C-alpha atoms as a PDB file:
ATOM      1  CA  UNK A   1     -23.150 -10.338 -17.372  1.00  0.00           C
ATOM      2  CA  UNK A   2     -22.646  -8.101 -20.858  1.00  0.00           C
ATOM      3  CA  UNK A   3     -19.244  -6.264 -21.994  1.00  0.00           C
ATOM      4  CA  UNK A   4     -17.373  -3.442 -20.187  1.00  0.00           C
ATOM      5  CA  UNK A   5     -18.151  -0.425 -20.841  1.00  0.00           C
ATOM      6  CA  UNK A   6     -16.045   2.142 -22.773  1.00  0.00           C
ATOM      7  CA  UNK A   7     -15.420   5.631 -22.292  1.00  0.00           C
ATOM      8  CA  UNK A   8     -12.831   6.377 -25.692  1.00  0.00           C
ATOM      9  CA  UNK A   9     -11.013  10.128 -24.659  1.00  0.00           C
ATOM     10  CA  UNK A  10      -8.279   9.406 -27.631  1.00  0.00           C
ATOM     11  CA  UNK A  11      -7.739  12.805 -29.140  1.00  0.00           C
ATOM     12  CA  UNK A  12     -10.229  14.366 -27.015  1.00  0.00           C
ATOM     13  CA  UNK A  13      -9.630  17.395 -24.618  1.00  0.00           C
ATOM     14  CA  UNK A  14      -9.553  16.407 -21.110  1.00  0.00           C
ATOM     15  CA  UNK A  15     -11.800  18.273 -18.774  1.00  0.00           C
ATOM     16  CA  UNK A  16     -14.692  17.723 -16.537  1.00  0.00           C
ATOM     17  CA  UNK A  17     -17.132  17.242 -19.669  1.00  0.00           C
ATOM     18  CA  UNK A  18     -15.054  14.670 -21.432  1.00  0.00           C
ATOM     19  CA  UNK A  19     -14.503  12.143 -18.070  1.00  0.00           C
ATOM     20  CA  UNK A  20     -18.191  13.184 -16.583  1.00  0.00           C
ATOM     21  CA  UNK A  21     -19.495   9.582 -17.507  1.00  0.00           C
ATOM     22  CA  UNK A  22     -16.487   7.959 -15.634  1.00  0.00           C
ATOM     23  CA  UNK A  23     -16.555  10.214 -13.075  1.00  0.00           C
ATOM     24  CA  UNK A  24     -20.672   9.319 -12.789  1.00  0.00           C
ATOM     25  CA  UNK A  25     -19.885   5.622 -12.940  1.00  0.00           C
ATOM     26  CA  UNK A  26     -17.336   5.443  -9.478  1.00  0.00           C
ATOM     27  CA  UNK A  27     -20.036   7.329  -7.960  1.00  0.00           C
ATOM     28  CA  UNK A  28     -22.478   4.737  -8.686  1.00  0.00           C
ATOM     29  CA  UNK A  29     -20.269   1.945  -7.256  1.00  0.00           C
ATOM     30  CA  UNK A  30     -18.784   1.504 -10.507  1.00  0.00           C
ATOM     31  CA  UNK A  31     -15.093   0.197 -11.217  1.00  0.00           C
ATOM     32  CA  UNK A  32     -13.041   2.050 -13.342  1.00  0.00           C
ATOM     33  CA  UNK A  33      -9.838   0.871 -15.506  1.00  0.00           C
ATOM     34  CA  UNK A  34      -7.759   4.263 -16.173  1.00  0.00           C
ATOM     35  CA  UNK A  35      -4.571   5.516 -17.237  1.00  0.00           C
ATOM     36  CA  UNK A  36      -2.428   7.020 -14.601  1.00  0.00           C
ATOM     37  CA  UNK A  37       1.177   8.025 -15.408  1.00  0.00           C
ATOM     38  CA  UNK A  38       2.635   5.025 -15.280  1.00  0.00           C
ATOM     39  CA  UNK A  39       0.428   1.944 -16.308  1.00  0.00           C
ATOM     40  CA  UNK A  40      -3.463   1.740 -16.280  1.00  0.00           C
ATOM     41  CA  UNK A  41      -4.652   0.951 -13.262  1.00  0.00           C
ATOM     42  CA  UNK A  42      -8.253  -0.512 -12.142  1.00  0.00           C
ATOM     43  CA  UNK A  43      -9.489   1.245  -9.365  1.00  0.00           C
ATOM     44  CA  UNK A  44     -13.309   2.650  -7.345  1.00  0.00           C
ATOM     45  CA  UNK A  45     -14.189   4.559  -4.324  1.00  0.00           C
ATOM     46  CA  UNK A  46     -12.613   4.227  -1.370  1.00  0.00           C
ATOM     47  CA  UNK A  47     -14.905   2.364   0.663  1.00  0.00           C
ATOM     48  CA  UNK A  48     -15.123  -1.238   1.843  1.00  0.00           C
ATOM     49  CA  UNK A  49     -17.760  -2.360  -1.176  1.00  0.00           C
ATOM     50  CA  UNK A  50     -14.985  -0.417  -3.510  1.00  0.00           C
ATOM     51  CA  UNK A  51     -11.964  -2.396  -2.219  1.00  0.00           C
ATOM     52  CA  UNK A  52     -14.045  -5.645  -3.027  1.00  0.00           C
ATOM     53  CA  UNK A  53     -15.399  -5.046  -5.587  1.00  0.00           C
ATOM     54  CA  UNK A  54     -11.510  -4.145  -7.053  1.00  0.00           C
ATOM     55  CA  UNK A  55     -10.111  -7.190  -5.624  1.00  0.00           C
ATOM     56  CA  UNK A  56     -12.969  -9.204  -7.281  1.00  0.00           C
ATOM     57  CA  UNK A  57     -11.956  -8.240 -11.104  1.00  0.00           C
ATOM     58  CA  UNK A  58      -8.437  -8.357 -10.439  1.00  0.00           C
ATOM     59  CA  UNK A  59      -8.481 -11.714  -8.132  1.00  0.00           C
ATOM     60  CA  UNK A  60      -5.996 -10.220  -5.529  1.00  0.00           C
ATOM     61  CA  UNK A  61      -4.629 -11.150  -2.806  1.00  0.00           C
ATOM     62  CA  UNK A  62      -6.328  -9.938   0.065  1.00  0.00           C
ATOM     63  CA  UNK A  63      -3.004  -8.733   1.932  1.00  0.00           C
ATOM     64  CA  UNK A  64      -2.027  -6.127  -0.059  1.00  0.00           C
ATOM     65  CA  UNK A  65      -3.948  -2.648  -0.143  1.00  0.00           C
ATOM     66  CA  UNK A  66      -4.522  -0.606  -3.121  1.00  0.00           C
ATOM     67  CA  UNK A  67      -3.441   2.932  -3.379  1.00  0.00           C
ATOM     68  CA  UNK A  68      -5.388   5.967  -3.241  1.00  0.00           C
ATOM     69  CA  UNK A  69      -4.934   8.497  -5.618  1.00  0.00           C
ATOM     70  CA  UNK A  70      -5.909  11.821  -4.314  1.00  0.00           C
ATOM     71  CA  UNK A  71      -7.188  15.346  -5.696  1.00  0.00           C
ATOM     72  CA  UNK A  72      -4.173  17.127  -3.756  1.00  0.00           C
ATOM     73  CA  UNK A  73      -2.298  16.928  -0.167  1.00  0.00           C
ATOM     74  CA  UNK A  74      -5.542  18.373   1.735  1.00  0.00           C
ATOM     75  CA  UNK A  75      -7.566  15.093   0.861  1.00  0.00           C
ATOM     76  CA  UNK A  76      -5.508  13.588   3.192  1.00  0.00           C
ATOM     77  CA  UNK A  77      -5.606  15.334   6.435  1.00  0.00           C
ATOM     78  CA  UNK A  78      -6.670  12.353   8.204  1.00  0.00           C
ATOM     79  CA  UNK A  79      -3.671  10.567   7.453  1.00  0.00           C
ATOM     80  CA  UNK A  80      -0.418  11.526   9.822  1.00  0.00           C
ATOM     81  CA  UNK A  81       1.871  13.693   7.719  1.00  0.00           C
ATOM     82  CA  UNK A  82       5.585  13.576   9.429  1.00  0.00           C
ATOM     83  CA  UNK A  83       7.928  16.990   8.536  1.00  0.00           C
ATOM     84  CA  UNK A  84       9.836  14.737   6.146  1.00  0.00           C
ATOM     85  CA  UNK A  85       6.761  13.716   3.926  1.00  0.00           C
ATOM     86  CA  UNK A  86       5.473  16.949   3.813  1.00  0.00           C
ATOM     87  CA  UNK A  87       8.464  17.745   2.277  1.00  0.00           C
ATOM     88  CA  UNK A  88       8.551  15.153  -0.189  1.00  0.00           C
ATOM     89  CA  UNK A  89       4.596  15.736  -1.404  1.00  0.00           C
ATOM     90  CA  UNK A  90       5.596  19.455  -1.710  1.00  0.00           C
ATOM     91  CA  UNK A  91       8.303  18.682  -4.042  1.00  0.00           C
ATOM     92  CA  UNK A  92       7.414  15.518  -6.191  1.00  0.00           C
ATOM     93  CA  UNK A  93       3.933  16.203  -6.155  1.00  0.00           C
ATOM     94  CA  UNK A  94       1.817  16.043  -8.658  1.00  0.00           C
ATOM     95  CA  UNK A  95       4.084  12.714  -9.636  1.00  0.00           C
ATOM     96  CA  UNK A  96       4.927   9.354  -9.619  1.00  0.00           C
ATOM     97  CA  UNK A  97       5.801   8.984  -5.971  1.00  0.00           C
ATOM     98  CA  UNK A  98       3.488   7.231  -3.327  1.00  0.00           C
ATOM     99  CA  UNK A  99       3.806   8.150   0.269  1.00  0.00           C
ATOM    100  CA  UNK A 100       2.768   5.487   2.926  1.00  0.00           C
ATOM    101  CA  UNK A 101       0.983   7.652   5.986  1.00  0.00           C
ATOM    102  CA  UNK A 102      -0.088   6.067   9.031  1.00  0.00           C
ATOM    103  CA  UNK A 103      -4.169   6.308   9.077  1.00  0.00           C
ATOM    104  CA  UNK A 104      -4.181   5.233  13.501  1.00  0.00           C
ATOM    105  CA  UNK A 105      -8.102   7.147  12.716  1.00  0.00           C
ATOM    106  CA  UNK A 106      -9.136   4.554  10.442  1.00  0.00           C
ATOM    107  CA  UNK A 107      -9.774   7.306   7.829  1.00  0.00           C
ATOM    108  CA  UNK A 108      -9.660   4.680   5.352  1.00  0.00           C
ATOM    109  CA  UNK A 109     -11.370   1.274   4.796  1.00  0.00           C
ATOM    110  CA  UNK A 110      -9.335  -1.912   5.495  1.00  0.00           C
ATOM    111  CA  UNK A 111      -7.619  -3.343   2.307  1.00  0.00           C
ATOM    112  CA  UNK A 112      -6.919   0.638   1.785  1.00  0.00           C
ATOM    113  CA  UNK A 113      -5.399   0.609   4.875  1.00  0.00           C
ATOM    114  CA  UNK A 114      -2.491  -2.180   5.508  1.00  0.00           C
ATOM    115  CA  UNK A 115      -2.509  -4.485   8.373  1.00  0.00           C
ATOM    116  CA  UNK A 116       0.118  -2.107  10.210  1.00  0.00           C
ATOM    117  CA  UNK A 117      -1.948   0.574   9.790  1.00  0.00           C
ATOM    118  CA  UNK A 118      -0.417   2.447   6.341  1.00  0.00           C
ATOM    119  CA  UNK A 119      -2.347   4.111   3.184  1.00  0.00           C
ATOM    120  CA  UNK A 120      -0.297   4.836   0.108  1.00  0.00           C
ATOM    121  CA  UNK A 121      -1.282   7.864  -1.258  1.00  0.00           C
ATOM    122  CA  UNK A 122      -0.136  10.098  -4.158  1.00  0.00           C
ATOM    123  CA  UNK A 123      -0.876  12.984  -6.055  1.00  0.00           C
ATOM    124  CA  UNK A 124      -1.260  12.123 -10.433  1.00  0.00           C
ATOM    125  CA  UNK A 125      -0.314  14.300 -12.824  1.00  0.00           C
ATOM    126  CA  UNK A 126      -2.067  12.669 -15.691  1.00  0.00           C
ATOM    127  CA  UNK A 127      -4.937  14.624 -17.106  1.00  0.00           C
ATOM    128  CA  UNK A 128      -7.180  11.539 -17.039  1.00  0.00           C
ATOM    129  CA  UNK A 129      -6.642  11.223 -13.545  1.00  0.00           C
ATOM    130  CA  UNK A 130      -6.957  14.970 -12.324  1.00  0.00           C
ATOM    131  CA  UNK A 131     -10.020  15.671 -14.019  1.00  0.00           C
ATOM    132  CA  UNK A 132     -11.689  12.269 -12.599  1.00  0.00           C
ATOM    133  CA  UNK A 133     -10.676  13.484  -8.862  1.00  0.00           C
ATOM    134  CA  UNK A 134     -11.729  16.653  -9.708  1.00  0.00           C
ATOM    135  CA  UNK A 135     -15.248  15.674 -10.774  1.00  0.00           C
ATOM    136  CA  UNK A 136     -14.982  13.049  -7.656  1.00  0.00           C
ATOM    137  CA  UNK A 137     -13.883  15.067  -4.948  1.00  0.00           C
ATOM    138  CA  UNK A 138     -12.389  12.203  -3.152  1.00  0.00           C
ATOM    139  CA  UNK A 139      -9.894   9.561  -3.089  1.00  0.00           C
ATOM    140  CA  UNK A 140     -10.089   6.789  -6.044  1.00  0.00           C
ATOM    141  CA  UNK A 141      -8.304   3.384  -5.710  1.00  0.00           C
ATOM    142  CA  UNK A 142      -5.221   2.554  -7.394  1.00  0.00           C
ATOM    143  CA  UNK A 143      -4.013  -0.820  -8.276  1.00  0.00           C
ATOM    144  CA  UNK A 144      -2.326  -2.170 -12.165  1.00  0.00           C
ATOM    145  CA  UNK A 145      -4.498  -3.007 -14.921  1.00  0.00           C
ATOM    146  CA  UNK A 146      -2.905  -7.138 -15.274  1.00  0.00           C
ATOM    147  CA  UNK A 147      -4.245 -10.442 -13.906  1.00  0.00           C
ATOM    148  CA  UNK A 148      -2.157 -12.146 -10.921  1.00  0.00           C
ATOM    149  CA  UNK A 149       1.682 -12.270 -12.290  1.00  0.00           C
ATOM    150  CA  UNK A 150       1.010 -10.777 -15.923  1.00  0.00           C
ATOM    151  CA  UNK A 151       2.169  -7.086 -17.230  1.00  0.00           C
ATOM    152  CA  UNK A 152       0.429  -3.938 -16.564  1.00  0.00           C
ATOM    153  CA  UNK A 153      -1.613  -2.743 -19.191  1.00  0.00           C
ATOM    154  CA  UNK A 154       0.270   0.200 -20.852  1.00  0.00           C
ATOM    155  CA  UNK A 155      -2.229   1.276 -23.469  1.00  0.00           C
ATOM    156  CA  UNK A 156      -6.200   0.944 -23.794  1.00  0.00           C
ATOM    157  CA  UNK A 157      -6.065  -1.848 -26.070  1.00  0.00           C
ATOM    158  CA  UNK A 158      -4.154  -4.168 -23.883  1.00  0.00           C
ATOM    159  CA  UNK A 159      -6.641  -3.343 -20.816  1.00  0.00           C
ATOM    160  CA  UNK A 160      -9.722  -4.216 -22.742  1.00  0.00           C
ATOM    161  CA  UNK A 161      -8.075  -7.332 -23.426  1.00  0.00           C
ATOM    162  CA  UNK A 162      -7.000  -7.675 -19.350  1.00  0.00           C
ATOM    163  CA  UNK A 163     -10.895  -6.991 -18.977  1.00  0.00           C
ATOM    164  CA  UNK A 164     -11.820  -9.670 -21.460  1.00  0.00           C
ATOM    165  CA  UNK A 165      -9.346 -12.293 -19.767  1.00  0.00           C
ATOM    166  CA  UNK A 166     -10.399 -11.215 -16.459  1.00  0.00           C
ATOM    167  CA  UNK A 167     -14.725 -11.506 -17.505  1.00  0.00           C
ATOM    168  CA  UNK A 168     -15.570  -8.490 -16.881  1.00  0.00           C
ATOM    169  CA  UNK A 169     -18.857  -7.083 -17.221  1.00  0.00           C
ATOM    170  CA  UNK A 170     -20.700  -3.801 -17.202  1.00  0.00           C
ATOM    171  CA  UNK A 171     -19.896  -2.724 -13.388  1.00  0.00           C
ATOM    172  CA  UNK A 172     -16.123  -1.729 -15.040  1.00  0.00           C
ATOM    173  CA  UNK A 173     -15.486   1.161 -17.361  1.00  0.00           C
ATOM    174  CA  UNK A 174     -12.242   1.356 -19.564  1.00  0.00           C
ATOM    175  CA  UNK A 175     -11.279   5.234 -20.405  1.00  0.00           C
ATOM    176  CA  UNK A 176      -9.446   4.384 -23.161  1.00  0.00           C
ATOM    177  CA  UNK A 177      -6.388   7.474 -23.376  1.00  0.00           C
ATOM    178  CA  UNK A 178      -4.504   5.144 -26.246  1.00  0.00           C
ATOM    179  CA  UNK A 179      -1.099   4.303 -25.558  1.00  0.00           C
ATOM    180  CA  UNK A 180       1.340   5.761 -22.126  1.00  0.00           C
ATOM    181  CA  UNK A 181       4.990   6.225 -22.710  1.00  0.00           C
ATOM    182  CA  UNK A 182       7.209   3.559 -21.054  1.00  0.00           C
ATOM    183  CA  UNK A 183       7.441   4.235 -17.369  1.00  0.00           C
ATOM    184  CA  UNK A 184       9.005   2.822 -14.041  1.00  0.00           C
ATOM    185  CA  UNK A 185       6.663   2.173 -11.314  1.00  0.00           C
ATOM    186  CA  UNK A 186       6.023   5.159  -8.911  1.00  0.00           C
ATOM    187  CA  UNK A 187       8.367   5.248  -6.547  1.00  0.00           C
ATOM    188  CA  UNK A 188       7.229   4.434  -2.797  1.00  0.00           C
ATOM    189  CA  UNK A 189       8.344   5.185   0.812  1.00  0.00           C
ATOM    190  CA  UNK A 190       7.140   4.696   3.794  1.00  0.00           C
ATOM    191  CA  UNK A 191       6.795   7.711   5.940  1.00  0.00           C
ATOM    192  CA  UNK A 192       5.518   6.357   9.202  1.00  0.00           C
ATOM    193  CA  UNK A 193       8.266   6.809  11.208  1.00  0.00           C
ATOM    194  CA  UNK A 194      10.577   9.434  12.553  1.00  0.00           C
ATOM    195  CA  UNK A 195      12.631   9.181   9.104  1.00  0.00           C
ATOM    196  CA  UNK A 196      11.292   8.029   5.798  1.00  0.00           C
ATOM    197  CA  UNK A 197      12.212   4.848   4.377  1.00  0.00           C
ATOM    198  CA  UNK A 198      12.330   3.702   0.298  1.00  0.00           C
ATOM    199  CA  UNK A 199      10.071   0.892   0.430  1.00  0.00           C
ATOM    200  CA  UNK A 200      10.346   0.543  -3.705  1.00  0.00           C
ATOM    201  CA  UNK A 201      12.877   2.885  -6.473  1.00  0.00           C
ATOM    202  CA  UNK A 202      10.952   3.492  -9.265  1.00  0.00           C
ATOM    203  CA  UNK A 203      10.395   6.828 -11.363  1.00  0.00           C
ATOM    204  CA  UNK A 204      11.965   9.227  -8.487  1.00  0.00           C
ATOM    205  CA  UNK A 205      15.490   7.936  -8.188  1.00  0.00           C
ATOM    206  CA  UNK A 206      16.616   7.569  -5.145  1.00  0.00           C
ATOM    207  CA  UNK A 207      19.729   9.599  -6.036  1.00  0.00           C
ATOM    208  CA  UNK A 208      16.587  12.254  -6.621  1.00  0.00           C
ATOM    209  CA  UNK A 209      15.599  11.875  -3.568  1.00  0.00           C
ATOM    210  CA  UNK A 210      18.885  12.095  -1.332  1.00  0.00           C
ATOM    211  CA  UNK A 211      18.856  16.193  -3.215  1.00  0.00           C
ATOM    212  CA  UNK A 212      16.073  16.590  -0.861  1.00  0.00           C
ATOM    213  CA  UNK A 213      16.595  14.268   1.725  1.00  0.00           C
ATOM    214  CA  UNK A 214      20.465  13.289   1.939  1.00  0.00           C
ATOM    215  CA  UNK A 215      19.772  10.748   5.148  1.00  0.00           C
ATOM    216  CA  UNK A 216      16.806   9.253   3.426  1.00  0.00           C
ATOM    217  CA  UNK A 217      17.220   5.324   3.671  1.00  0.00           C
ATOM    218  CA  UNK A 218      16.171   2.114   1.442  1.00  0.00           C
ATOM    219  CA  UNK A 219      15.038  -1.103   2.726  1.00  0.00           C
ATOM    220  CA  UNK A 220      18.238  -2.850   1.411  1.00  0.00           C
ATOM    221  CA  UNK A 221      20.304  -0.290   3.911  1.00  0.00           C
ATOM    222  CA  UNK A 222      17.977   0.049   6.855  1.00  0.00           C
END
């Protein structure tokens, strides 16, 4: 099986050249472990095989969909954008805000598209993610880099330990950008209905959201 590949970008200027090996790895069907604005994540192309490979690595329950990180909002054109969703994206993207949008045309495969027909999407501000997506030009799936029930990795060293415990081989590449600052997970908002509902409060607090949309609801109060 071999050991996971490692691309060390600590202290390196993050640009297309620095991330080119990771981009090629993903294009060839590989799985990536990479830093985001919150934690390290596992991801691959948003394809049936890509979803299967990430789930196999993480040993993840099949009923929990992966997120899709996008180069920009234009790459979610196949999804249904409500007026409220566009307003949130315009203000909070790039940022730690995940919007769940309806996917009636099945733009994304099962495993990214939930059983309810929604897809969680985000535009990340992290420079590694930005360079990866600029190189790929398509969505990259995302789920926290951890074992089932374990803490998500917040450094390249922690991510390498997780990969070792999961038995990852050369089909996985770790992009080591060092340690990440402490951060709450992304805030998740369901925008499939006429009014958005906060499913999980995280890095973007509800109070800040209500400065934009005073009527925004939460799961607890709905």
